[in-house]
């Protein structure tokens, strides 16, 4: 699943609900979820891997220990 700013314009509570549901769905269905976002905290909260891009170039890549959406 490729999502471009799926929570743009949402309040924090709704953003957490939507992104959490998407992550849980992807995990339950053994799907890869790639999400583009400017919301760094949301990315940190839910990601297993983070890739930060600036001006079209990868500036950082790291593994994140996320338990969100886990069974």
C-alpha atoms as a PDB file:
ATOM      1  CA  UNK A   1       0.000   0.000   0.000  1.00  0.00           C
ATOM      2  CA  UNK A   2       1.394   3.388  -0.969  1.00  0.00           C
ATOM      3  CA  UNK A   3      -0.113   6.365   0.841  1.00  0.00           C
ATOM      4  CA  UNK A   4       0.699  10.020   0.238  1.00  0.00           C
ATOM      5  CA  UNK A   5      -0.104  12.188   3.279  1.00  0.00           C
ATOM      6  CA  UNK A   6      -3.051  10.041   4.469  1.00  0.00           C
ATOM      7  CA  UNK A   7      -3.545  12.144   7.596  1.00  0.00           C
ATOM      8  CA  UNK A   8      -2.970  15.644   6.185  1.00  0.00           C
ATOM      9  CA  UNK A   9      -5.422  18.141   7.615  1.00  0.00           C
ATOM     10  CA  UNK A  10      -6.679  15.860  10.384  1.00  0.00           C
ATOM     11  CA  UNK A  11      -6.629  16.691  14.078  1.00  0.00           C
ATOM     12  CA  UNK A  12      -4.194  14.685  16.210  1.00  0.00           C
ATOM     13  CA  UNK A  13      -6.798  12.278  17.600  1.00  0.00           C
ATOM     14  CA  UNK A  14      -8.214  11.432  14.172  1.00  0.00           C
ATOM     15  CA  UNK A  15      -4.711  11.207  12.695  1.00  0.00           C
ATOM     16  CA  UNK A  16      -3.713   8.605  15.306  1.00  0.00           C
ATOM     17  CA  UNK A  17      -6.917   6.641  14.668  1.00  0.00           C
ATOM     18  CA  UNK A  18      -6.505   6.619  10.872  1.00  0.00           C
ATOM     19  CA  UNK A  19      -2.781   5.845  10.787  1.00  0.00           C
ATOM     20  CA  UNK A  20      -3.093   3.252  13.547  1.00  0.00           C
ATOM     21  CA  UNK A  21      -5.891   1.526  11.650  1.00  0.00           C
ATOM     22  CA  UNK A  22      -3.892   1.535   8.400  1.00  0.00           C
ATOM     23  CA  UNK A  23      -0.834   0.068  10.114  1.00  0.00           C
ATOM     24  CA  UNK A  24      -2.907  -2.611  11.850  1.00  0.00           C
ATOM     25  CA  UNK A  25      -4.633  -3.522   8.566  1.00  0.00           C
ATOM     26  CA  UNK A  26      -1.297  -3.842   6.756  1.00  0.00           C
ATOM     27  CA  UNK A  27       0.170  -6.046   9.498  1.00  0.00           C
ATOM     28  CA  UNK A  28      -2.898  -8.275   9.741  1.00  0.00           C
ATOM     29  CA  UNK A  29      -2.896  -8.789   5.984  1.00  0.00           C
ATOM     30  CA  UNK A  30       0.885  -9.187   5.628  1.00  0.00           C
ATOM     31  CA  UNK A  31       1.147  -6.104   3.409  1.00  0.00           C
ATOM     32  CA  UNK A  32       3.881  -3.538   3.111  1.00  0.00           C
ATOM     33  CA  UNK A  33       2.789  -0.006   3.917  1.00  0.00           C
ATOM     34  CA  UNK A  34       4.759   2.905   2.485  1.00  0.00           C
ATOM     35  CA  UNK A  35       3.578   6.254   3.757  1.00  0.00           C
ATOM     36  CA  UNK A  36       4.771   9.697   2.741  1.00  0.00           C
ATOM     37  CA  UNK A  37       4.249  12.233   5.526  1.00  0.00           C
ATOM     38  CA  UNK A  38       5.554  15.490   6.942  1.00  0.00           C
ATOM     39  CA  UNK A  39       4.278  14.419  10.377  1.00  0.00           C
ATOM     40  CA  UNK A  40       7.570  13.231  11.868  1.00  0.00           C
ATOM     41  CA  UNK A  41       6.056  12.168  15.200  1.00  0.00           C
ATOM     42  CA  UNK A  42       3.442  10.004  13.468  1.00  0.00           C
ATOM     43  CA  UNK A  43       6.201   8.398  11.414  1.00  0.00           C
ATOM     44  CA  UNK A  44       8.235   7.708  14.565  1.00  0.00           C
ATOM     45  CA  UNK A  45       5.189   6.318  16.389  1.00  0.00           C
ATOM     46  CA  UNK A  46       4.235   3.788  13.706  1.00  0.00           C
ATOM     47  CA  UNK A  47       7.210   3.057  11.466  1.00  0.00           C
ATOM     48  CA  UNK A  48       9.444   0.029  11.413  1.00  0.00           C
ATOM     49  CA  UNK A  49      11.809   1.873   9.067  1.00  0.00           C
ATOM     50  CA  UNK A  50      12.192   5.603   8.482  1.00  0.00           C
ATOM     51  CA  UNK A  51      13.705   7.103   5.366  1.00  0.00           C
ATOM     52  CA  UNK A  52      14.063  10.871   5.407  1.00  0.00           C
ATOM     53  CA  UNK A  53      14.292  12.644   2.065  1.00  0.00           C
ATOM     54  CA  UNK A  54      15.304  16.282   1.588  1.00  0.00           C
ATOM     55  CA  UNK A  55      15.441  17.953  -1.820  1.00  0.00           C
ATOM     56  CA  UNK A  56      15.029  14.579  -3.510  1.00  0.00           C
ATOM     57  CA  UNK A  57      17.945  12.921  -1.695  1.00  0.00           C
ATOM     58  CA  UNK A  58      17.922  10.374   1.119  1.00  0.00           C
ATOM     59  CA  UNK A  59      19.460  12.092   4.139  1.00  0.00           C
ATOM     60  CA  UNK A  60      18.841   9.397   6.743  1.00  0.00           C
ATOM     61  CA  UNK A  61      17.575   5.858   7.036  1.00  0.00           C
ATOM     62  CA  UNK A  62      17.020   3.963  10.261  1.00  0.00           C
ATOM     63  CA  UNK A  63      15.255   1.021  11.800  1.00  0.00           C
ATOM     64  CA  UNK A  64      12.667   1.894  14.413  1.00  0.00           C
ATOM     65  CA  UNK A  65      11.384  -0.448  17.112  1.00  0.00           C
ATOM     66  CA  UNK A  66       7.659   0.174  16.788  1.00  0.00           C
ATOM     67  CA  UNK A  67       5.034  -1.893  18.546  1.00  0.00           C
ATOM     68  CA  UNK A  68       2.039   0.064  17.254  1.00  0.00           C
ATOM     69  CA  UNK A  69      -0.525  -2.131  15.613  1.00  0.00           C
ATOM     70  CA  UNK A  70       1.095  -5.319  16.960  1.00  0.00           C
ATOM     71  CA  UNK A  71      -1.017  -8.287  17.886  1.00  0.00           C
END
